[in-house]
Amino acid sequence: MAMPDRRVDPVMDALERELTVLLRRARASSGEMAREVHPELEPAAYGLLARLYETGPERATLLAGYFGVGKATMSRQLRALEDLGLVRREPDPADGRAFLVQLTDNGRARFTHVRDARRQRYVRRLSGWDPAELGDLARLLRQLNQSQEGPQPQEP
């Protein structure tokens, strides 16, 4: 039986390695930041707070789609954030059957405090970088993130 050709593409190998390190560090950092917002906050919820800070009130179904999680997972995460007093749900004025989720004043204050401290760490760690390189990195990461949205191509 012939083995499949598994030639290693050095560029993709390097990309996979660096993304693995980045994602592992990001997961650990999200956990730390989540605990700074509230000791009982799940690591995944930090990104949810960041999204609500960025977008303002949003439907749970849109949040679930944005993060690529099921409605049940999103509902559980939002319930936990509500229980901690970090978000609240209000009826959607455009559709009385739906609800919008938004940060509470407490949630906004806690999130911005942690986010500002995180940004200062980035400023210190990246102070030697050329501003154009930082812009390129942000642009490329956005492009990578956008390529992950929507349906994924099927494998052959």
N, C-alpha and C. Protein backbone atom coordinates (compact mmCIF):
# COMPACT_ATOMS: atom_id res chain seq x y z
N MET A 1 0.86 -1.18 0.00
CA MET A 1 0.00 0.00 0.00
C MET A 1 0.90 1.24 0.00
N ALA A 2 0.68 2.13 -0.93
CA ALA A 2 1.49 3.34 -1.04
C ALA A 2 1.05 4.37 0.00
N MET A 3 2.02 5.02 0.59
CA MET A 3 1.73 6.08 1.57
C MET A 3 1.45 7.38 0.83
N PRO A 4 0.53 8.19 1.35
CA PRO A 4 0.26 9.47 0.69
C PRO A 4 1.50 10.37 0.73
N ASP A 5 1.61 11.21 -0.27
CA ASP A 5 2.73 12.16 -0.35
C ASP A 5 2.50 13.25 0.69
N ARG A 6 3.36 13.33 1.66
CA ARG A 6 3.21 14.30 2.75
C ARG A 6 4.39 15.26 2.78
N ARG A 7 4.69 15.82 1.63
CA ARG A 7 5.76 16.81 1.59
C ARG A 7 5.39 17.98 2.50
N VAL A 8 6.35 18.42 3.23
CA VAL A 8 6.12 19.52 4.16
C VAL A 8 6.37 20.83 3.44
N ASP A 9 5.38 21.68 3.49
CA ASP A 9 5.53 23.02 2.95
C ASP A 9 6.13 23.86 4.08
N PRO A 10 7.37 24.32 3.94
CA PRO A 10 8.03 25.02 5.06
C PRO A 10 7.31 26.29 5.48
N VAL A 11 6.66 26.97 4.55
CA VAL A 11 5.93 28.19 4.91
C VAL A 11 4.71 27.83 5.77
N MET A 12 3.94 26.84 5.34
CA MET A 12 2.77 26.43 6.12
C MET A 12 3.17 25.81 7.45
N ASP A 13 4.29 25.10 7.46
CA ASP A 13 4.79 24.51 8.70
C ASP A 13 5.13 25.62 9.70
N ALA A 14 5.82 26.64 9.23
CA ALA A 14 6.18 27.77 10.10
C ALA A 14 4.93 28.52 10.56
N LEU A 15 3.98 28.71 9.65
CA LEU A 15 2.74 29.40 10.00
C LEU A 15 1.98 28.62 11.07
N GLU A 16 1.85 27.33 10.87
CA GLU A 16 1.14 26.50 11.85
C GLU A 16 1.81 26.56 13.21
N ARG A 17 3.14 26.47 13.23
CA ARG A 17 3.89 26.51 14.49
C ARG A 17 3.66 27.84 15.21
N GLU A 18 3.77 28.95 14.49
CA GLU A 18 3.63 30.27 15.13
C GLU A 18 2.20 30.54 15.56
N LEU A 19 1.23 30.09 14.78
CA LEU A 19 -0.16 30.26 15.19
C LEU A 19 -0.47 29.42 16.43
N THR A 20 0.10 28.23 16.50
CA THR A 20 -0.10 27.38 17.68
C THR A 20 0.42 28.07 18.94
N VAL A 21 1.61 28.65 18.85
CA VAL A 21 2.18 29.37 20.00
C VAL A 21 1.31 30.59 20.34
N LEU A 22 0.93 31.35 19.32
CA LEU A 22 0.11 32.54 19.54
C LEU A 22 -1.21 32.17 20.20
N LEU A 23 -1.89 31.16 19.69
CA LEU A 23 -3.19 30.77 20.24
C LEU A 23 -3.07 30.25 21.66
N ARG A 24 -2.03 29.49 21.92
CA ARG A 24 -1.83 28.98 23.28
C ARG A 24 -1.61 30.13 24.26
N ARG A 25 -0.78 31.08 23.86
CA ARG A 25 -0.54 32.25 24.72
C ARG A 25 -1.80 33.10 24.86
N ALA A 26 -2.55 33.23 23.77
CA ALA A 26 -3.79 34.02 23.83
C ALA A 26 -4.79 33.38 24.78
N ARG A 27 -4.90 32.05 24.76
CA ARG A 27 -5.80 31.36 25.68
C ARG A 27 -5.42 31.62 27.13
N ALA A 28 -4.13 31.53 27.41
CA ALA A 28 -3.66 31.78 28.78
C ALA A 28 -3.91 33.23 29.16
N SER A 29 -3.65 34.14 28.25
CA SER A 29 -3.85 35.57 28.51
C SER A 29 -5.34 35.87 28.72
N SER A 30 -6.21 35.26 27.92
CA SER A 30 -7.65 35.47 28.09
C SER A 30 -8.10 35.03 29.47
N GLY A 31 -7.55 33.93 29.94
CA GLY A 31 -7.89 33.46 31.28
C GLY A 31 -7.48 34.46 32.35
N GLU A 32 -6.28 34.99 32.21
CA GLU A 32 -5.79 35.99 33.17
C GLU A 32 -6.65 37.25 33.13
N MET A 33 -6.94 37.72 31.92
CA MET A 33 -7.74 38.94 31.79
C MET A 33 -9.15 38.73 32.30
N ALA A 34 -9.73 37.56 32.02
CA ALA A 34 -11.07 37.26 32.50
C ALA A 34 -11.11 37.31 34.03
N ARG A 35 -10.11 36.71 34.67
CA ARG A 35 -10.06 36.72 36.14
C ARG A 35 -9.88 38.13 36.68
N GLU A 36 -9.18 38.98 35.93
CA GLU A 36 -9.02 40.37 36.36
C GLU A 36 -10.35 41.13 36.28
N VAL A 37 -11.16 40.80 35.27
CA VAL A 37 -12.49 41.43 35.17
C VAL A 37 -13.35 40.97 36.33
N HIS A 38 -13.36 39.65 36.57
CA HIS A 38 -14.12 39.08 37.69
C HIS A 38 -13.54 37.70 37.97
N PRO A 39 -13.28 37.38 39.23
CA PRO A 39 -12.65 36.09 39.56
C PRO A 39 -13.42 34.87 39.06
N GLU A 40 -14.72 34.98 38.84
CA GLU A 40 -15.53 33.84 38.41
C GLU A 40 -15.78 33.81 36.90
N LEU A 41 -15.18 34.73 36.17
CA LEU A 41 -15.43 34.83 34.73
C LEU A 41 -14.65 33.77 33.97
N GLU A 42 -15.34 33.06 33.06
CA GLU A 42 -14.70 32.06 32.20
C GLU A 42 -13.79 32.76 31.19
N PRO A 43 -12.67 32.15 30.83
CA PRO A 43 -11.75 32.77 29.87
C PRO A 43 -12.41 33.16 28.54
N ALA A 44 -13.29 32.31 28.01
CA ALA A 44 -13.93 32.60 26.73
C ALA A 44 -14.83 33.83 26.79
N ALA A 45 -15.29 34.17 27.98
CA ALA A 45 -16.21 35.29 28.12
C ALA A 45 -15.53 36.64 27.93
N TYR A 46 -14.21 36.70 28.09
CA TYR A 46 -13.53 37.98 27.90
C TYR A 46 -13.74 38.50 26.48
N GLY A 47 -13.61 37.61 25.51
CA GLY A 47 -13.83 38.01 24.11
C GLY A 47 -15.25 38.47 23.87
N LEU A 48 -16.19 37.87 24.57
CA LEU A 48 -17.59 38.27 24.46
C LEU A 48 -17.78 39.70 24.98
N LEU A 49 -17.15 40.00 26.11
CA LEU A 49 -17.21 41.37 26.64
C LEU A 49 -16.58 42.35 25.66
N ALA A 50 -15.45 41.95 25.08
CA ALA A 50 -14.77 42.83 24.11
C ALA A 50 -15.67 43.10 22.91
N ARG A 51 -16.34 42.08 22.43
CA ARG A 51 -17.24 42.25 21.28
C ARG A 51 -18.38 43.20 21.62
N LEU A 52 -18.99 43.03 22.79
CA LEU A 52 -20.09 43.90 23.19
C LEU A 52 -19.61 45.34 23.40
N TYR A 53 -18.40 45.49 23.89
CA TYR A 53 -17.83 46.83 24.06
C TYR A 53 -17.69 47.49 22.69
N GLU A 54 -17.22 46.72 21.73
CA GLU A 54 -16.96 47.23 20.39
C GLU A 54 -18.24 47.52 19.61
N THR A 55 -19.22 46.64 19.70
CA THR A 55 -20.42 46.76 18.86
C THR A 55 -21.58 47.45 19.55
N GLY A 56 -21.60 47.44 20.87
CA GLY A 56 -22.80 47.89 21.57
C GLY A 56 -23.80 46.75 21.62
N PRO A 57 -25.06 47.06 21.92
CA PRO A 57 -26.07 46.00 22.06
C PRO A 57 -26.15 45.12 20.81
N GLU A 58 -26.25 43.81 21.06
CA GLU A 58 -26.29 42.86 19.94
C GLU A 58 -27.14 41.65 20.35
N ARG A 59 -27.79 41.05 19.38
CA ARG A 59 -28.58 39.84 19.64
C ARG A 59 -27.66 38.66 19.93
N ALA A 60 -28.14 37.79 20.78
CA ALA A 60 -27.37 36.60 21.15
C ALA A 60 -27.08 35.72 19.93
N THR A 61 -28.03 35.63 19.00
CA THR A 61 -27.81 34.81 17.81
C THR A 61 -26.68 35.37 16.95
N LEU A 62 -26.57 36.67 16.86
CA LEU A 62 -25.47 37.28 16.11
C LEU A 62 -24.14 37.04 16.82
N LEU A 63 -24.15 37.12 18.14
CA LEU A 63 -22.93 36.85 18.90
C LEU A 63 -22.49 35.39 18.70
N ALA A 64 -23.44 34.48 18.75
CA ALA A 64 -23.12 33.06 18.56
C ALA A 64 -22.51 32.85 17.18
N GLY A 65 -23.09 33.47 16.17
CA GLY A 65 -22.55 33.35 14.82
C GLY A 65 -21.17 33.94 14.68
N TYR A 66 -20.96 35.08 15.29
CA TYR A 66 -19.66 35.75 15.21
C TYR A 66 -18.56 34.88 15.81
N PHE A 67 -18.85 34.25 16.95
CA PHE A 67 -17.85 33.43 17.63
C PHE A 67 -17.85 31.98 17.16
N GLY A 68 -18.81 31.61 16.32
CA GLY A 68 -18.84 30.25 15.81
C GLY A 68 -19.21 29.22 16.86
N VAL A 69 -20.12 29.60 17.76
CA VAL A 69 -20.58 28.66 18.79
C VAL A 69 -22.09 28.49 18.64
N GLY A 70 -22.61 27.45 19.25
CA GLY A 70 -24.04 27.19 19.20
C GLY A 70 -24.82 28.13 20.09
N LYS A 71 -26.13 28.19 19.83
CA LYS A 71 -27.01 29.05 20.62
C LYS A 71 -27.01 28.67 22.10
N ALA A 72 -26.96 27.37 22.37
CA ALA A 72 -26.97 26.90 23.77
C ALA A 72 -25.72 27.35 24.50
N THR A 73 -24.57 27.27 23.83
CA THR A 73 -23.31 27.71 24.44
C THR A 73 -23.36 29.21 24.72
N MET A 74 -23.84 29.97 23.73
CA MET A 74 -23.92 31.42 23.91
C MET A 74 -24.89 31.77 25.03
N SER A 75 -26.01 31.09 25.08
CA SER A 75 -27.00 31.34 26.13
C SER A 75 -26.40 31.10 27.51
N ARG A 76 -25.64 30.00 27.65
CA ARG A 76 -25.01 29.68 28.93
C ARG A 76 -24.00 30.75 29.31
N GLN A 77 -23.18 31.19 28.34
CA GLN A 77 -22.17 32.22 28.63
C GLN A 77 -22.83 33.54 29.01
N LEU A 78 -23.89 33.90 28.31
CA LEU A 78 -24.58 35.16 28.62
C LEU A 78 -25.26 35.10 29.98
N ARG A 79 -25.83 33.95 30.31
CA ARG A 79 -26.46 33.78 31.63
C ARG A 79 -25.43 33.98 32.73
N ALA A 80 -24.24 33.41 32.53
CA ALA A 80 -23.17 33.56 33.54
C ALA A 80 -22.76 35.02 33.66
N LEU A 81 -22.66 35.72 32.53
CA LEU A 81 -22.29 37.15 32.57
C LEU A 81 -23.38 37.98 33.24
N GLU A 82 -24.63 37.62 33.00
CA GLU A 82 -25.75 38.31 33.67
C GLU A 82 -25.68 38.08 35.18
N ASP A 83 -25.44 36.84 35.58
CA ASP A 83 -25.37 36.50 37.00
C ASP A 83 -24.26 37.28 37.70
N LEU A 84 -23.18 37.59 36.97
CA LEU A 84 -22.08 38.37 37.55
C LEU A 84 -22.32 39.88 37.46
N GLY A 85 -23.42 40.28 36.84
CA GLY A 85 -23.76 41.70 36.73
C GLY A 85 -22.95 42.44 35.67
N LEU A 86 -22.42 41.71 34.68
CA LEU A 86 -21.58 42.34 33.66
C LEU A 86 -22.34 42.68 32.38
N VAL A 87 -23.44 41.96 32.11
CA VAL A 87 -24.28 42.27 30.95
C VAL A 87 -25.74 42.22 31.39
N ARG A 88 -26.58 42.80 30.54
CA ARG A 88 -28.03 42.71 30.75
C ARG A 88 -28.69 42.52 29.39
N ARG A 89 -29.89 41.95 29.43
CA ARG A 89 -30.69 41.76 28.21
C ARG A 89 -31.87 42.71 28.28
N GLU A 90 -32.15 43.31 27.13
CA GLU A 90 -33.30 44.20 27.02
C GLU A 90 -34.04 43.87 25.74
N PRO A 91 -35.35 44.09 25.71
CA PRO A 91 -36.11 43.81 24.49
C PRO A 91 -35.54 44.61 23.31
N ASP A 92 -35.51 43.96 22.15
CA ASP A 92 -35.06 44.61 20.93
C ASP A 92 -36.20 45.49 20.42
N PRO A 93 -35.99 46.80 20.32
CA PRO A 93 -37.08 47.68 19.87
C PRO A 93 -37.54 47.35 18.44
N ALA A 94 -36.68 46.73 17.64
CA ALA A 94 -37.04 46.38 16.27
C ALA A 94 -37.85 45.08 16.19
N ASP A 95 -37.80 44.27 17.27
CA ASP A 95 -38.49 42.98 17.28
C ASP A 95 -38.75 42.61 18.73
N GLY A 96 -39.97 42.81 19.18
CA GLY A 96 -40.33 42.59 20.58
C GLY A 96 -40.11 41.17 21.06
N ARG A 97 -39.96 40.21 20.14
CA ARG A 97 -39.73 38.82 20.54
C ARG A 97 -38.27 38.56 20.86
N ALA A 98 -37.39 39.44 20.40
CA ALA A 98 -35.94 39.23 20.55
C ALA A 98 -35.39 40.14 21.65
N PHE A 99 -34.18 39.81 22.09
CA PHE A 99 -33.51 40.60 23.11
C PHE A 99 -32.15 41.05 22.60
N LEU A 100 -31.72 42.19 23.09
CA LEU A 100 -30.38 42.68 22.83
C LEU A 100 -29.57 42.53 24.11
N VAL A 101 -28.33 42.15 23.96
CA VAL A 101 -27.42 42.00 25.10
C VAL A 101 -26.48 43.19 25.07
N GLN A 102 -26.25 43.78 26.24
CA GLN A 102 -25.30 44.89 26.32
C GLN A 102 -24.58 44.87 27.66
N LEU A 103 -23.44 45.55 27.68
CA LEU A 103 -22.68 45.65 28.92
C LEU A 103 -23.43 46.51 29.92
N THR A 104 -23.33 46.14 31.18
CA THR A 104 -23.82 47.02 32.25
C THR A 104 -22.73 48.07 32.50
N ASP A 105 -23.05 49.09 33.28
CA ASP A 105 -22.01 50.08 33.63
C ASP A 105 -20.85 49.41 34.35
N ASN A 106 -21.17 48.47 35.24
CA ASN A 106 -20.15 47.73 35.96
C ASN A 106 -19.30 46.89 34.99
N GLY A 107 -19.96 46.22 34.06
CA GLY A 107 -19.24 45.41 33.07
C GLY A 107 -18.33 46.26 32.21
N ARG A 108 -18.82 47.42 31.77
CA ARG A 108 -18.01 48.32 30.95
C ARG A 108 -16.80 48.84 31.74
N ALA A 109 -17.01 49.22 32.97
CA ALA A 109 -15.91 49.75 33.79
C ALA A 109 -14.84 48.67 34.04
N ARG A 110 -15.28 47.48 34.39
CA ARG A 110 -14.32 46.40 34.65
C ARG A 110 -13.56 46.02 33.38
N PHE A 111 -14.28 45.93 32.25
CA PHE A 111 -13.65 45.56 31.00
C PHE A 111 -12.63 46.62 30.58
N THR A 112 -13.00 47.89 30.61
CA THR A 112 -12.07 48.93 30.15
C THR A 112 -10.84 49.02 31.03
N HIS A 113 -10.99 48.77 32.32
CA HIS A 113 -9.83 48.79 33.22
C HIS A 113 -8.82 47.72 32.80
N VAL A 114 -9.30 46.52 32.55
CA VAL A 114 -8.42 45.42 32.16
C VAL A 114 -7.87 45.64 30.75
N ARG A 115 -8.71 46.10 29.84
CA ARG A 115 -8.26 46.34 28.47
C ARG A 115 -7.17 47.41 28.42
N ASP A 116 -7.33 48.47 29.19
CA ASP A 116 -6.32 49.54 29.20
C ASP A 116 -4.99 49.03 29.74
N ALA A 117 -5.03 48.19 30.77
CA ALA A 117 -3.80 47.62 31.31
C ALA A 117 -3.15 46.69 30.28
N ARG A 118 -3.95 45.92 29.57
CA ARG A 118 -3.43 45.03 28.54
C ARG A 118 -2.77 45.84 27.42
N ARG A 119 -3.41 46.91 27.02
CA ARG A 119 -2.83 47.75 25.95
C ARG A 119 -1.50 48.34 26.37
N GLN A 120 -1.36 48.70 27.63
CA GLN A 120 -0.08 49.23 28.10
C GLN A 120 1.01 48.16 28.03
N ARG A 121 0.64 46.90 28.31
CA ARG A 121 1.61 45.81 28.17
C ARG A 121 2.03 45.66 26.71
N TYR A 122 1.07 45.75 25.80
CA TYR A 122 1.40 45.68 24.37
C TYR A 122 2.32 46.82 23.98
N VAL A 123 2.02 48.00 24.44
CA VAL A 123 2.86 49.17 24.10
C VAL A 123 4.29 48.93 24.56
N ARG A 124 4.47 48.44 25.78
CA ARG A 124 5.82 48.17 26.28
C ARG A 124 6.52 47.08 25.48
N ARG A 125 5.82 45.98 25.22
CA ARG A 125 6.44 44.85 24.54
C ARG A 125 6.74 45.12 23.07
N LEU A 126 5.97 45.98 22.45
CA LEU A 126 6.12 46.24 21.03
C LEU A 126 6.76 47.60 20.74
N SER A 127 7.33 48.22 21.75
CA SER A 127 7.87 49.58 21.58
C SER A 127 9.02 49.63 20.58
N GLY A 128 9.73 48.54 20.37
CA GLY A 128 10.84 48.52 19.43
C GLY A 128 10.42 48.23 17.99
N TRP A 129 9.14 47.95 17.79
CA TRP A 129 8.67 47.64 16.45
C TRP A 129 8.46 48.92 15.65
N ASP A 130 8.66 48.80 14.37
CA ASP A 130 8.36 49.89 13.44
C ASP A 130 6.83 50.03 13.35
N PRO A 131 6.30 51.26 13.45
CA PRO A 131 4.84 51.44 13.38
C PRO A 131 4.23 50.86 12.10
N ALA A 132 4.94 50.90 10.99
CA ALA A 132 4.42 50.33 9.74
C ALA A 132 4.29 48.81 9.87
N GLU A 133 5.24 48.17 10.56
CA GLU A 133 5.16 46.72 10.77
C GLU A 133 3.97 46.36 11.66
N LEU A 134 3.72 47.18 12.67
CA LEU A 134 2.55 46.95 13.53
C LEU A 134 1.27 47.07 12.71
N GLY A 135 1.22 48.05 11.84
CA GLY A 135 0.06 48.21 10.96
C GLY A 135 -0.11 47.01 10.04
N ASP A 136 1.01 46.53 9.50
CA ASP A 136 0.95 45.34 8.64
C ASP A 136 0.46 44.13 9.42
N LEU A 137 0.96 43.96 10.64
CA LEU A 137 0.54 42.82 11.46
C LEU A 137 -0.96 42.89 11.73
N ALA A 138 -1.46 44.06 12.11
CA ALA A 138 -2.89 44.22 12.38
C ALA A 138 -3.71 43.92 11.12
N ARG A 139 -3.27 44.41 9.98
CA ARG A 139 -3.97 44.17 8.73
C ARG A 139 -3.99 42.67 8.38
N LEU A 140 -2.86 42.01 8.53
CA LEU A 140 -2.78 40.60 8.20
C LEU A 140 -3.59 39.73 9.17
N LEU A 141 -3.59 40.08 10.45
CA LEU A 141 -4.40 39.33 11.41
C LEU A 141 -5.89 39.51 11.11
N ARG A 142 -6.27 40.72 10.72
CA ARG A 142 -7.68 40.96 10.35
C ARG A 142 -8.03 40.10 9.12
N GLN A 143 -7.14 40.09 8.15
CA GLN A 143 -7.36 39.28 6.95
C GLN A 143 -7.49 37.80 7.33
N LEU A 144 -6.65 37.32 8.22
CA LEU A 144 -6.73 35.94 8.68
C LEU A 144 -8.06 35.67 9.38
N ASN A 145 -8.45 36.57 10.26
CA ASN A 145 -9.72 36.40 10.98
C ASN A 145 -10.90 36.40 10.02
N GLN A 146 -10.89 37.29 9.05
CA GLN A 146 -11.98 37.34 8.08
C GLN A 146 -12.04 36.08 7.23
N SER A 147 -10.88 35.49 6.96
CA SER A 147 -10.88 34.26 6.16
C SER A 147 -11.50 33.10 6.92
N GLN A 148 -11.65 33.22 8.24
CA GLN A 148 -12.22 32.17 9.06
C GLN A 148 -13.73 32.32 9.23
N GLU A 149 -14.29 33.44 8.77
CA GLU A 149 -15.72 33.69 8.90
C GLU A 149 -16.48 32.98 7.79
N GLY A 150 -17.70 32.61 8.08
CA GLY A 150 -18.54 31.99 7.06
C GLY A 150 -18.22 30.53 6.86
N PRO A 151 -18.88 29.92 5.87
CA PRO A 151 -18.65 28.50 5.62
C PRO A 151 -17.23 28.24 5.16
N GLN A 152 -16.68 27.14 5.63
CA GLN A 152 -15.32 26.77 5.28
C GLN A 152 -15.34 25.85 4.06
N PRO A 153 -14.33 25.98 3.19
CA PRO A 153 -14.27 25.08 2.03
C PRO A 153 -14.14 23.63 2.48
N GLN A 154 -14.76 22.74 1.72
CA GLN A 154 -14.70 21.31 2.03
C GLN A 154 -13.36 20.74 1.58
N GLU A 155 -12.86 19.78 2.35
CA GLU A 155 -11.61 19.12 1.97
C GLU A 155 -11.88 18.16 0.83
N PRO A 156 -10.91 18.00 -0.06
CA PRO A 156 -11.10 17.09 -1.21
C PRO A 156 -11.21 15.65 -0.79
